[in-house]
PDB file of N, CA and C in Angstrom:
ATOM      1  N   MET A   1      91.710  68.571 121.264  1.00  0.00           N
ATOM      2  CA  MET A   1      90.629  69.802 121.218  1.00  0.00           C
ATOM      3  C   MET A   1      90.031  69.941 119.985  1.00  0.00           C
ATOM      4  N   ASP A   2      90.695  69.516 118.908  1.00  0.00           N
ATOM      5  CA  ASP A   2      89.878  69.751 117.375  1.00  0.00           C
ATOM      6  C   ASP A   2      88.597  68.912 117.444  1.00  0.00           C
ATOM      7  N   GLU A   3      88.582  67.601 117.902  1.00  0.00           N
ATOM      8  CA  GLU A   3      87.556  66.892 117.961  1.00  0.00           C
ATOM      9  C   GLU A   3      86.490  67.599 118.938  1.00  0.00           C
ATOM     10  N   LEU A   4      86.856  68.100 119.687  1.00  0.00           N
ATOM     11  CA  LEU A   4      85.870  68.891 120.648  1.00  0.00           C
ATOM     12  C   LEU A   4      85.099  69.853 120.068  1.00  0.00           C
ATOM     13  N   LEU A   5      85.920  70.791 119.438  1.00  0.00           N
ATOM     14  CA  LEU A   5      85.507  71.888 118.477  1.00  0.00           C
ATOM     15  C   LEU A   5      84.500  71.805 117.618  1.00  0.00           C
ATOM     16  N   ALA A   6      84.921  70.531 116.966  1.00  0.00           N
ATOM     17  CA  ALA A   6      84.108  70.060 115.582  1.00  0.00           C
ATOM     18  C   ALA A   6      82.605  69.488 116.241  1.00  0.00           C
ATOM     19  N   MET A   7      82.714  68.900 117.404  1.00  0.00           N
ATOM     20  CA  MET A   7      81.585  68.447 117.935  1.00  0.00           C
ATOM     21  C   MET A   7      80.544  69.659 118.352  1.00  0.00           C
ATOM     22  N   MET A   8      80.998  70.722 118.936  1.00  0.00           N
ATOM     23  CA  MET A   8      80.315  71.899 119.398  1.00  0.00           C
ATOM     24  C   MET A   8      79.998  72.446 118.148  1.00  0.00           C
ATOM     25  N   GLY A   9      80.691  72.519 116.989  1.00  0.00           N
ATOM     26  CA  GLY A   9      80.369  73.242 115.727  1.00  0.00           C
ATOM     27  C   GLY A   9      78.956  72.170 115.198  1.00  0.00           C
ATOM     28  N   GLU A  10      78.899  71.083 115.431  1.00  0.00           N
ATOM     29  CA  GLU A  10      77.794  70.215 114.856  1.00  0.00           C
ATOM     30  C   GLU A  10      76.527  70.730 115.439  1.00  0.00           C
ATOM     31  N   LEU A  11      76.494  71.068 116.872  1.00  0.00           N
ATOM     32  CA  LEU A  11      75.290  71.433 117.477  1.00  0.00           C
ATOM     33  C   LEU A  11      74.720  72.620 117.117  1.00  0.00           C
ATOM     34  N   ASP A  12      73.312  72.942 116.990  1.00  0.00           N
ATOM     35  CA  ASP A  12      72.770  74.029 116.833  1.00  0.00           C
ATOM     36  C   ASP A  12      72.309  74.710 118.007  1.00  0.00           C
ATOM     37  N   ILE A  13      73.240  74.860 119.100  1.00  0.00           N
ATOM     38  CA  ILE A  13      73.200  75.407 120.087  1.00  0.00           C
ATOM     39  C   ILE A  13      74.170  76.501 120.667  1.00  0.00           C
ATOM     40  N   PRO A  14      74.142  77.747 120.991  1.00  0.00           N
ATOM     41  CA  PRO A  14      75.262  78.468 121.186  1.00  0.00           C
ATOM     42  C   PRO A  14      76.046  77.988 122.171  1.00  0.00           C
ATOM     43  N   SER A  15      77.557  77.908 122.164  1.00  0.00           N
ATOM     44  CA  SER A  15      78.428  77.355 123.010  1.00  0.00           C
ATOM     45  C   SER A  15      79.662  78.312 123.302  1.00  0.00           C
ATOM     46  N   ALA A  16      80.208  78.240 124.435  1.00  0.00           N
ATOM     47  CA  ALA A  16      81.270  78.996 124.760  1.00  0.00           C
ATOM     48  C   ALA A  16      82.338  78.032 125.635  1.00  0.00           C
ATOM     49  N   TYR A  17      83.623  78.460 125.483  1.00  0.00           N
ATOM     50  CA  TYR A  17      84.525  77.507 126.504  1.00  0.00           C
ATOM     51  C   TYR A  17      84.437  78.279 128.018  1.00  0.00           C
ATOM     52  N   HIS A  18      84.148  77.735 128.835  1.00  0.00           N
ATOM     53  CA  HIS A  18      84.014  77.979 130.203  1.00  0.00           C
ATOM     54  C   HIS A  18      82.824  78.797 130.778  1.00  0.00           C
ATOM     55  N   HIS A  19      82.721  79.956 129.981  1.00  0.00           N
ATOM     56  CA  HIS A  19      81.667  81.015 130.175  1.00  0.00           C
ATOM     57  C   HIS A  19      81.444  82.074 129.264  1.00  0.00           C
ATOM     58  N   PHE A  20      80.222  82.407 129.279  1.00  0.00           N
ATOM     59  CA  PHE A  20      80.031  83.516 128.133  1.00  0.00           C
ATOM     60  C   PHE A  20      80.446  85.065 128.887  1.00  0.00           C
ATOM     61  N   ALA A  21      80.866  85.990 128.143  1.00  0.00           N
ATOM     62  CA  ALA A  21      81.296  87.224 128.561  1.00  0.00           C
ATOM     63  C   ALA A  21      80.162  87.706 129.439  1.00  0.00           C
ATOM     64  N   GLU A  22      80.310  88.491 130.411  1.00  0.00           N
ATOM     65  CA  GLU A  22      79.408  89.127 130.935  1.00  0.00           C
ATOM     66  C   GLU A  22      78.324  89.761 130.105  1.00  0.00           C
ATOM     67  N   ASP A  23      77.073  89.658 130.245  1.00  0.00           N
ATOM     68  CA  ASP A  23      75.926  90.345 129.392  1.00  0.00           C
ATOM     69  C   ASP A  23      75.973  89.702 128.081  1.00  0.00           C
ATOM     70  N   GLU A  24      76.612  88.740 127.703  1.00  0.00           N
ATOM     71  CA  GLU A  24      76.789  88.042 126.319  1.00  0.00           C
ATOM     72  C   GLU A  24      76.246  86.710 126.575  1.00  0.00           C
ATOM     73  N   SER A  25      75.507  86.277 127.555  1.00  0.00           N
ATOM     74  CA  SER A  25      74.943  85.104 127.627  1.00  0.00           C
ATOM     75  C   SER A  25      73.648  85.028 126.914  1.00  0.00           C
ATOM     76  N   PRO A  26      73.598  84.038 125.914  1.00  0.00           N
ATOM     77  CA  PRO A  26      72.237  83.825 125.086  1.00  0.00           C
ATOM     78  C   PRO A  26      71.331  83.358 125.959  1.00  0.00           C
ATOM     79  N   ASP A  27      70.031  83.363 125.410  1.00  0.00           N
ATOM     80  CA  ASP A  27      68.887  82.693 126.026  1.00  0.00           C
ATOM     81  C   ASP A  27      69.031  81.068 125.773  1.00  0.00           C
ATOM     82  N   PRO A  28      68.671  80.583 126.760  1.00  0.00           N
ATOM     83  CA  PRO A  28      68.480  79.148 126.818  1.00  0.00           C
ATOM     84  C   PRO A  28      68.016  78.465 125.516  1.00  0.00           C
ATOM     85  N   PRO A  29      68.190  77.215 125.442  1.00  0.00           N
ATOM     86  CA  PRO A  29      69.321  76.654 125.799  1.00  0.00           C
ATOM     87  C   PRO A  29      70.799  77.108 125.045  1.00  0.00           C
ATOM     88  N   PHE A  30      71.717  76.919 125.971  1.00  0.00           N
ATOM     89  CA  PHE A  30      73.080  77.073 125.553  1.00  0.00           C
ATOM     90  C   PHE A  30      74.099  76.101 126.344  1.00  0.00           C
ATOM     91  N   ILE A  31      75.129  76.082 125.896  1.00  0.00           N
ATOM     92  CA  ILE A  31      76.367  75.346 126.327  1.00  0.00           C
ATOM     93  C   ILE A  31      77.303  75.834 126.771  1.00  0.00           C
ATOM     94  N   CYS A  32      78.141  75.547 127.892  1.00  0.00           N
ATOM     95  CA  CYS A  32      79.493  75.903 128.423  1.00  0.00           C
ATOM     96  C   CYS A  32      80.192  74.526 128.167  1.00  0.00           C
ATOM     97  N   TYR A  33      81.385  74.605 127.786  1.00  0.00           N
ATOM     98  CA  TYR A  33      82.245  73.324 127.862  1.00  0.00           C
ATOM     99  C   TYR A  33      83.676  73.613 128.242  1.00  0.00           C
ATOM    100  N   LEU A  34      84.167  72.727 129.232  1.00  0.00           N
ATOM    101  CA  LEU A  34      85.762  72.896 129.594  1.00  0.00           C
ATOM    102  C   LEU A  34      86.192  71.898 130.026  1.00  0.00           C
ATOM    103  N   LEU A  35      87.544  71.788 130.233  1.00  0.00           N
ATOM    104  CA  LEU A  35      88.625  70.862 130.361  1.00  0.00           C
ATOM    105  C   LEU A  35      89.008  71.021 131.448  1.00  0.00           C
ATOM    106  N   PRO A  36      88.541  70.664 132.649  1.00  0.00           N
ATOM    107  CA  PRO A  36      88.623  70.631 134.036  1.00  0.00           C
ATOM    108  C   PRO A  36      90.151  70.245 134.590  1.00  0.00           C
ATOM    109  N   GLY A  37      90.477  69.086 134.007  1.00  0.00           N
ATOM    110  CA  GLY A  37      91.625  68.260 134.168  1.00  0.00           C
ATOM    111  C   GLY A  37      92.094  67.313 133.296  1.00  0.00           C
ATOM    112  N   SER A  38      93.028  66.189 133.879  1.00  0.00           N
ATOM    113  CA  SER A  38      93.489  65.225 132.977  1.00  0.00           C
ATOM    114  C   SER A  38      93.631  64.092 133.611  1.00  0.00           C
ATOM    115  N   ASP A  39      93.699  63.094 132.843  1.00  0.00           N
ATOM    116  CA  ASP A  39      93.897  61.694 133.292  1.00  0.00           C
ATOM    117  C   ASP A  39      94.962  60.860 132.710  1.00  0.00           C
ATOM    118  N   ASN A  40      96.100  61.602 132.385  1.00  0.00           N
ATOM    119  CA  ASN A  40      97.284  61.097 131.479  1.00  0.00           C
ATOM    120  C   ASN A  40      97.912  59.616 131.907  1.00  0.00           C
ATOM    121  N   PHE A  41      98.128  59.003 130.894  1.00  0.00           N
ATOM    122  CA  PHE A  41      98.959  57.655 131.186  1.00  0.00           C
ATOM    123  C   PHE A  41     100.454  57.904 130.987  1.00  0.00           C
ATOM    124  N   SER A  42     101.295  57.536 132.032  1.00  0.00           N
ATOM    125  CA  SER A  42     102.849  57.702 132.058  1.00  0.00           C
ATOM    126  C   SER A  42     103.625  56.534 131.704  1.00  0.00           C
ATOM    127  N   ALA A  43     104.480  56.720 131.149  1.00  0.00           N
ATOM    128  CA  ALA A  43     105.720  55.658 131.026  1.00  0.00           C
ATOM    129  C   ALA A  43     106.941  56.411 130.796  1.00  0.00           C
ATOM    130  N   ASP A  44     107.940  55.747 131.607  1.00  0.00           N
ATOM    131  CA  ASP A  44     109.114  56.308 131.545  1.00  0.00           C
ATOM    132  C   ASP A  44     109.443  57.940 132.023  1.00  0.00           C
ATOM    133  N   GLY A  45     108.474  57.885 133.146  1.00  0.00           N
ATOM    134  CA  GLY A  45     108.502  59.636 133.519  1.00  0.00           C
ATOM    135  C   GLY A  45     107.978  60.602 132.384  1.00  0.00           C
ATOM    136  N   MET A  46     107.049  59.906 131.511  1.00  0.00           N
ATOM    137  CA  MET A  46     106.558  60.965 130.422  1.00  0.00           C
ATOM    138  C   MET A  46     105.073  60.740 130.318  1.00  0.00           C
ATOM    139  N   ALA A  47     104.541  61.743 129.951  1.00  0.00           N
ATOM    140  CA  ALA A  47     103.139  61.460 129.811  1.00  0.00           C
ATOM    141  C   ALA A  47     103.083  60.973 128.072  1.00  0.00           C
ATOM    142  N   TYR A  48     102.929  59.372 128.375  1.00  0.00           N
ATOM    143  CA  TYR A  48     102.895  58.728 127.301  1.00  0.00           C
ATOM    144  C   TYR A  48     101.433  58.722 126.181  1.00  0.00           C
ATOM    145  N   LEU A  49     100.338  58.830 127.055  1.00  0.00           N
ATOM    146  CA  LEU A  49      99.118  59.218 126.356  1.00  0.00           C
ATOM    147  C   LEU A  49      98.501  60.359 127.288  1.00  0.00           C
ATOM    148  N   LYS A  50      98.086  61.408 126.402  1.00  0.00           N
ATOM    149  CA  LYS A  50      97.436  62.593 127.089  1.00  0.00           C
ATOM    150  C   LYS A  50      96.042  62.561 126.954  1.00  0.00           C
ATOM    151  N   VAL A  51      95.310  62.736 128.040  1.00  0.00           N
ATOM    152  CA  VAL A  51      93.913  62.448 128.163  1.00  0.00           C
ATOM    153  C   VAL A  51      93.015  63.340 128.898  1.00  0.00           C
ATOM    154  N   SER A  52      92.251  64.399 128.410  1.00  0.00           N
ATOM    155  CA  SER A  52      91.742  65.321 129.149  1.00  0.00           C
ATOM    156  C   SER A  52      90.085  65.072 129.588  1.00  0.00           C
ATOM    157  N   GLU A  53      89.739  65.440 130.710  1.00  0.00           N
ATOM    158  CA  GLU A  53      88.532  65.464 131.202  1.00  0.00           C
ATOM    159  C   GLU A  53      87.654  66.359 130.388  1.00  0.00           C
ATOM    160  N   VAL A  54      86.517  66.134 129.974  1.00  0.00           N
ATOM    161  CA  VAL A  54      85.787  67.203 129.291  1.00  0.00           C
ATOM    162  C   VAL A  54      84.310  67.029 130.098  1.00  0.00           C
ATOM    163  N   TYR A  55      84.091  68.413 130.313  1.00  0.00           N
ATOM    164  CA  TYR A  55      82.682  68.703 130.891  1.00  0.00           C
ATOM    165  C   TYR A  55      81.950  69.282 129.516  1.00  0.00           C
ATOM    166  N   ILE A  56      80.725  68.993 129.213  1.00  0.00           N
ATOM    167  CA  ILE A  56      79.651  69.908 128.562  1.00  0.00           C
ATOM    168  C   ILE A  56      78.552  69.732 129.400  1.00  0.00           C
ATOM    169  N   GLU A  57      78.237  71.457 129.653  1.00  0.00           N
ATOM    170  CA  GLU A  57      76.996  71.696 130.476  1.00  0.00           C
ATOM    171  C   GLU A  57      76.085  72.310 129.611  1.00  0.00           C
ATOM    172  N   LEU A  58      74.967  71.748 129.784  1.00  0.00           N
ATOM    173  CA  LEU A  58      74.000  72.086 128.691  1.00  0.00           C
ATOM    174  C   LEU A  58      72.684  72.939 129.677  1.00  0.00           C
ATOM    175  N   TYR A  59      72.290  73.988 129.445  1.00  0.00           N
ATOM    176  CA  TYR A  59      71.869  74.924 130.433  1.00  0.00           C
ATOM    177  C   TYR A  59      70.549  74.968 129.465  1.00  0.00           C
ATOM    178  N   THR A  60      69.263  74.900 130.393  1.00  0.00           N
ATOM    179  CA  THR A  60      67.962  75.017 129.807  1.00  0.00           C
ATOM    180  C   THR A  60      66.987  75.627 130.958  1.00  0.00           C
ATOM    181  N   ASP A  61      66.126  76.501 130.569  1.00  0.00           N
ATOM    182  CA  ASP A  61      65.063  76.918 131.514  1.00  0.00           C
ATOM    183  C   ASP A  61      64.367  76.245 131.632  1.00  0.00           C
ATOM    184  N   ALA A  62      63.644  75.050 130.868  1.00  0.00           N
ATOM    185  CA  ALA A  62      62.735  73.950 131.199  1.00  0.00           C
ATOM    186  C   ALA A  62      63.221  72.688 130.662  1.00  0.00           C
ATOM    187  N   LYS A  63      62.895  71.484 131.127  1.00  0.00           N
ATOM    188  CA  LYS A  63      63.558  70.333 130.719  1.00  0.00           C
ATOM    189  C   LYS A  63      63.353  70.266 129.093  1.00  0.00           C
ATOM    190  N   ASP A  64      64.426  70.023 128.466  1.00  0.00           N
ATOM    191  CA  ASP A  64      64.251  69.999 126.815  1.00  0.00           C
ATOM    192  C   ASP A  64      65.143  68.758 126.455  1.00  0.00           C
ATOM    193  N   LEU A  65      64.150  67.908 126.286  1.00  0.00           N
ATOM    194  CA  LEU A  65      64.771  66.429 125.792  1.00  0.00           C
ATOM    195  C   LEU A  65      65.256  66.827 124.606  1.00  0.00           C
ATOM    196  N   SER A  66      64.750  67.509 123.575  1.00  0.00           N
ATOM    197  CA  SER A  66      65.429  67.634 121.991  1.00  0.00           C
ATOM    198  C   SER A  66      66.746  68.342 122.318  1.00  0.00           C
ATOM    199  N   ALA A  67      66.982  69.099 123.052  1.00  0.00           N
ATOM    200  CA  ALA A  67      68.379  69.782 123.241  1.00  0.00           C
ATOM    201  C   ALA A  67      69.292  68.627 123.797  1.00  0.00           C
ATOM    202  N   GLU A  68      68.733  67.657 124.703  1.00  0.00           N
ATOM    203  CA  GLU A  68      69.566  66.785 125.200  1.00  0.00           C
ATOM    204  C   GLU A  68      70.034  65.605 124.115  1.00  0.00           C
ATOM    205  N   GLN A  69      68.883  65.315 123.460  1.00  0.00           N
ATOM    206  CA  GLN A  69      68.960  64.204 122.353  1.00  0.00           C
ATOM    207  C   GLN A  69      70.070  64.799 121.215  1.00  0.00           C
ATOM    208  N   ALA A  70      70.116  66.300 121.050  1.00  0.00           N
ATOM    209  CA  ALA A  70      70.884  66.738 120.213  1.00  0.00           C
ATOM    210  C   ALA A  70      72.541  66.594 120.585  1.00  0.00           C
ATOM    211  N   VAL A  71      72.746  66.791 121.886  1.00  0.00           N
ATOM    212  CA  VAL A  71      74.058  66.468 122.454  1.00  0.00           C
ATOM    213  C   VAL A  71      74.423  65.047 122.460  1.00  0.00           C
ATOM    214  N   GLU A  72      73.466  64.205 122.723  1.00  0.00           N
ATOM    215  CA  GLU A  72      73.574  62.875 122.725  1.00  0.00           C
ATOM    216  C   GLU A  72      74.216  62.170 121.384  1.00  0.00           C
ATOM    217  N   THR A  73      73.127  62.666 120.429  1.00  0.00           N
ATOM    218  CA  THR A  73      73.668  62.149 119.271  1.00  0.00           C
ATOM    219  C   THR A  73      74.800  62.635 118.595  1.00  0.00           C
ATOM    220  N   VAL A  74      75.232  63.925 118.652  1.00  0.00           N
ATOM    221  CA  VAL A  74      76.907  63.987 118.517  1.00  0.00           C
ATOM    222  C   VAL A  74      77.941  63.205 119.176  1.00  0.00           C
ATOM    223  N   LEU A  75      77.578  63.018 120.534  1.00  0.00           N
ATOM    224  CA  LEU A  75      78.782  62.445 121.222  1.00  0.00           C
ATOM    225  C   LEU A  75      78.626  60.926 120.695  1.00  0.00           C
ATOM    226  N   ASP A  76      77.499  60.318 120.649  1.00  0.00           N
ATOM    227  CA  ASP A  76      77.497  58.930 120.090  1.00  0.00           C
ATOM    228  C   ASP A  76      77.911  58.811 118.803  1.00  0.00           C
ATOM    229  N   ALA A  77      77.660  59.935 117.689  1.00  0.00           N
ATOM    230  CA  ALA A  77      78.341  59.767 116.293  1.00  0.00           C
ATOM    231  C   ALA A  77      79.985  59.830 116.466  1.00  0.00           C
ATOM    232  N   HIS A  78      80.330  60.207 117.573  1.00  0.00           N
ATOM    233  CA  HIS A  78      81.811  60.513 117.600  1.00  0.00           C
ATOM    234  C   HIS A  78      82.472  59.182 118.418  1.00  0.00           C
ATOM    235  N   GLY A  79      81.461  58.411 119.038  1.00  0.00           N
ATOM    236  CA  GLY A  79      81.994  57.108 119.677  1.00  0.00           C
ATOM    237  C   GLY A  79      82.345  57.429 121.073  1.00  0.00           C
ATOM    238  N   ILE A  80      81.722  58.589 121.644  1.00  0.00           N
ATOM    239  CA  ILE A  80      82.112  59.169 123.031  1.00  0.00           C
ATOM    240  C   ILE A  80      81.175  58.328 124.131  1.00  0.00           C
ATOM    241  N   PHE A  81      81.791  57.610 125.063  1.00  0.00           N
ATOM    242  CA  PHE A  81      81.167  57.089 126.142  1.00  0.00           C
ATOM    243  C   PHE A  81      80.956  58.360 127.245  1.00  0.00           C
ATOM    244  N   TYR A  82      79.965  58.670 127.739  1.00  0.00           N
ATOM    245  CA  TYR A  82      79.782  59.694 128.606  1.00  0.00           C
ATOM    246  C   TYR A  82      78.957  59.502 129.916  1.00  0.00           C
ATOM    247  N   ASP A  83      79.273  59.811 130.855  1.00  0.00           N
ATOM    248  CA  ASP A  83      78.229  60.032 132.076  1.00  0.00           C
ATOM    249  C   ASP A  83      77.335  61.372 132.023  1.00  0.00           C
ATOM    250  N   LYS A  84      76.189  61.402 132.592  1.00  0.00           N
ATOM    251  CA  LYS A  84      75.148  62.125 132.553  1.00  0.00           C
ATOM    252  C   LYS A  84      74.445  62.465 133.605  1.00  0.00           C
ATOM    253  N   THR A  85      74.262  63.580 134.329  1.00  0.00           N
ATOM    254  CA  THR A  85      73.856  64.043 135.568  1.00  0.00           C
ATOM    255  C   THR A  85      72.840  65.373 135.312  1.00  0.00           C
ATOM    256  N   GLU A  86      71.906  65.747 136.125  1.00  0.00           N
ATOM    257  CA  GLU A  86      71.263  66.702 136.108  1.00  0.00           C
ATOM    258  C   GLU A  86      71.032  67.592 137.343  1.00  0.00           C
ATOM    259  N   THR A  87      70.864  68.717 137.440  1.00  0.00           N
ATOM    260  CA  THR A  87      70.627  69.561 138.563  1.00  0.00           C
ATOM    261  C   THR A  87      69.913  70.808 138.339  1.00  0.00           C
ATOM    262  N   TRP A  88      69.102  71.370 139.159  1.00  0.00           N
ATOM    263  CA  TRP A  88      68.416  72.475 138.907  1.00  0.00           C
ATOM    264  C   TRP A  88      69.269  73.592 139.763  1.00  0.00           C
ATOM    265  N   ILE A  89      69.566  74.627 139.437  1.00  0.00           N
ATOM    266  CA  ILE A  89      70.338  75.777 139.802  1.00  0.00           C
ATOM    267  C   ILE A  89      69.342  76.703 140.085  1.00  0.00           C
ATOM    268  N   ASP A  90      68.997  77.044 141.419  1.00  0.00           N
ATOM    269  CA  ASP A  90      67.828  77.737 141.941  1.00  0.00           C
ATOM    270  C   ASP A  90      68.078  79.235 141.669  1.00  0.00           C
ATOM    271  N   SER A  91      69.541  79.604 142.130  1.00  0.00           N
ATOM    272  CA  SER A  91      70.035  81.114 141.826  1.00  0.00           C
ATOM    273  C   SER A  91      69.877  81.408 140.589  1.00  0.00           C
ATOM    274  N   GLU A  92      69.924  80.480 139.538  1.00  0.00           N
ATOM    275  CA  GLU A  92      69.870  81.077 138.135  1.00  0.00           C
ATOM    276  C   GLU A  92      68.516  80.847 137.436  1.00  0.00           C
ATOM    277  N   LYS A  93      67.726  79.835 138.033  1.00  0.00           N
ATOM    278  CA  LYS A  93      66.419  79.282 137.524  1.00  0.00           C
ATOM    279  C   LYS A  93      66.655  78.833 136.264  1.00  0.00           C
ATOM    280  N   LEU A  94      67.705  77.811 136.152  1.00  0.00           N
ATOM    281  CA  LEU A  94      68.071  76.984 135.119  1.00  0.00           C
ATOM    282  C   LEU A  94      68.415  75.771 135.579  1.00  0.00           C
ATOM    283  N   TYR A  95      68.075  74.570 134.578  1.00  0.00           N
ATOM    284  CA  TYR A  95      68.401  73.210 134.446  1.00  0.00           C
ATOM    285  C   TYR A  95      69.821  73.142 133.912  1.00  0.00           C
ATOM    286  N   GLU A  96      70.792  72.327 134.495  1.00  0.00           N
ATOM    287  CA  GLU A  96      72.268  71.956 134.120  1.00  0.00           C
ATOM    288  C   GLU A  96      72.163  70.668 133.862  1.00  0.00           C
ATOM    289  N   VAL A  97      72.059  70.324 132.524  1.00  0.00           N
ATOM    290  CA  VAL A  97      72.389  68.598 132.333  1.00  0.00           C
ATOM    291  C   VAL A  97      73.962  68.775 132.024  1.00  0.00           C
ATOM    292  N   LEU A  98      74.664  67.866 132.687  1.00  0.00           N
ATOM    293  CA  LEU A  98      76.159  67.752 132.918  1.00  0.00           C
ATOM    294  C   LEU A  98      76.645  66.215 132.007  1.00  0.00           C
ATOM    295  N   TYR A  99      77.265  66.609 130.934  1.00  0.00           N
ATOM    296  CA  TYR A  99      77.923  65.442 130.393  1.00  0.00           C
ATOM    297  C   TYR A  99      79.370  65.327 130.522  1.00  0.00           C
ATOM    298  N   THR A 100      79.913  64.074 131.180  1.00  0.00           N
ATOM    299  CA  THR A 100      81.566  64.184 131.453  1.00  0.00           C
ATOM    300  C   THR A 100      81.869  62.818 130.683  1.00  0.00           C
ATOM    301  N   PHE A 101      83.304  63.093 130.341  1.00  0.00           N
ATOM    302  CA  PHE A 101      83.825  62.262 129.408  1.00  0.00           C
ATOM    303  C   PHE A 101      85.373  62.263 129.349  1.00  0.00           C
ATOM    304  N   GLU A 102      86.134  61.574 128.587  1.00  0.00           N
ATOM    305  CA  GLU A 102      87.487  61.682 128.657  1.00  0.00           C
ATOM    306  C   GLU A 102      87.538  61.854 127.020  1.00  0.00           C
ATOM    307  N   LEU A 103      88.419  62.446 126.561  1.00  0.00           N
ATOM    308  CA  LEU A 103      89.038  62.491 125.210  1.00  0.00           C
ATOM    309  C   LEU A 103      90.711  62.708 125.121  1.00  0.00           C
ATOM    310  N   GLU A 104      91.262  61.755 124.157  1.00  0.00           N
ATOM    311  CA  GLU A 104      92.538  61.764 123.847  1.00  0.00           C
ATOM    312  C   GLU A 104      93.010  63.071 123.272  1.00  0.00           C
ATOM    313  N   VAL A 105      93.991  63.648 123.676  1.00  0.00           N
ATOM    314  CA  VAL A 105      94.364  65.074 123.067  1.00  0.00           C
ATOM    315  C   VAL A 105      95.719  64.894 122.495  1.00  0.00           C
TER     316      VAL A 105
END
């Protein structure tokens, strides 16, 4: 988790774990990050290697290549292999660019 927090600190984009509190969401772009699950490796009935799934959700009100590049630069600098998807959230009028990867904890 320390490495993830360090990565979020390197970005000049407001971020929060899972969500911002009601009425505290900043203007886009902003990031929500979360750890929705794990992919641990077991040996002898124990979690031998603990690995967390990580989601970094970048929200923008227009396609923002510079914000995406900022996130990708930080992930690349930390040697993170990631998958990237994008969707339009009509109810929020926001783009969501989702970065998914695994991180050893």
